Structure formats: structure tokens, C-alpha cells
């Protein structure tokens, strides 16, 4: 039972970390693209 609770807690944490990492990449990506394009 505690394993299910652990997984239920871990999924949003990993999701938040991944979305934060994805936001970090998408923040830098447009800057590189804008640097390339006039």
C-alpha cells in the first residue's frame, strides 16, 4: 500500500522536474534560433 502512495507522490515530482527542465531548454532554444535568424 505504501508503494502505491510512493509512486503517486513520485510521479508529480518527476513530472515537475521534467517540465522545469523542459522549460529551461525551451527558454534557451528560442534565443539560439533568434541568434541564427535575422
C-alpha atoms as a PDB file:
ATOM      1  CA  UNK A   1       0.000   0.000   0.000  1.00  0.00           C
ATOM      2  CA  UNK A   2       2.828   2.437   0.845  1.00  0.00           C
ATOM      3  CA  UNK A   3       4.446   1.567  -2.500  1.00  0.00           C
ATOM      4  CA  UNK A   4       1.370   2.861  -4.358  1.00  0.00           C
ATOM      5  CA  UNK A   5       1.448   6.047  -2.282  1.00  0.00           C
ATOM      6  CA  UNK A   6       5.175   6.393  -3.011  1.00  0.00           C
ATOM      7  CA  UNK A   7       4.577   6.087  -6.752  1.00  0.00           C
ATOM      8  CA  UNK A   8       1.669   8.528  -6.569  1.00  0.00           C
ATOM      9  CA  UNK A   9       3.964  11.063  -4.876  1.00  0.00           C
ATOM     10  CA  UNK A  10       6.952  10.371  -7.133  1.00  0.00           C
ATOM     11  CA  UNK A  11       5.099  10.847 -10.431  1.00  0.00           C
ATOM     12  CA  UNK A  12       4.209  14.556  -9.878  1.00  0.00           C
ATOM     13  CA  UNK A  13       7.746  15.233  -8.565  1.00  0.00           C
ATOM     14  CA  UNK A  14       9.377  13.725 -11.674  1.00  0.00           C
ATOM     15  CA  UNK A  15       6.781  15.471 -13.845  1.00  0.00           C
ATOM     16  CA  UNK A  16       7.563  18.811 -12.205  1.00  0.00           C
ATOM     17  CA  UNK A  17      11.334  18.288 -12.563  1.00  0.00           C
ATOM     18  CA  UNK A  18      10.935  17.257 -16.202  1.00  0.00           C
ATOM     19  CA  UNK A  19       8.664  20.219 -17.019  1.00  0.00           C
ATOM     20  CA  UNK A  20      11.123  22.546 -15.263  1.00  0.00           C
ATOM     21  CA  UNK A  21      13.989  21.056 -17.308  1.00  0.00           C
ATOM     22  CA  UNK A  22      11.877  21.296 -20.490  1.00  0.00           C
ATOM     23  CA  UNK A  23      11.060  24.942 -19.691  1.00  0.00           C
ATOM     24  CA  UNK A  24      14.774  25.586 -19.162  1.00  0.00           C
ATOM     25  CA  UNK A  25      15.562  24.131 -22.614  1.00  0.00           C
ATOM     26  CA  UNK A  26      12.703  25.965 -24.337  1.00  0.00           C
ATOM     27  CA  UNK A  27      13.935  29.191 -22.691  1.00  0.00           C
ATOM     28  CA  UNK A  28      17.376  28.833 -24.298  1.00  0.00           C
ATOM     29  CA  UNK A  29      16.241  27.330 -27.621  1.00  0.00           C
ATOM     30  CA  UNK A  30      14.462  30.439 -28.977  1.00  0.00           C
ATOM     31  CA  UNK A  31      17.484  32.586 -28.081  1.00  0.00           C
ATOM     32  CA  UNK A  32      19.747  30.366 -30.206  1.00  0.00           C
ATOM     33  CA  UNK A  33      17.171  30.316 -33.006  1.00  0.00           C
ATOM     34  CA  UNK A  34      16.781  34.095 -32.885  1.00  0.00           C
ATOM     35  CA  UNK A  35      20.561  34.430 -32.968  1.00  0.00           C
ATOM     36  CA  UNK A  36      20.663  32.317 -36.134  1.00  0.00           C
ATOM     37  CA  UNK A  37      17.777  34.093 -37.869  1.00  0.00           C
ATOM     38  CA  UNK A  38      17.932  37.761 -38.828  1.00  0.00           C
END
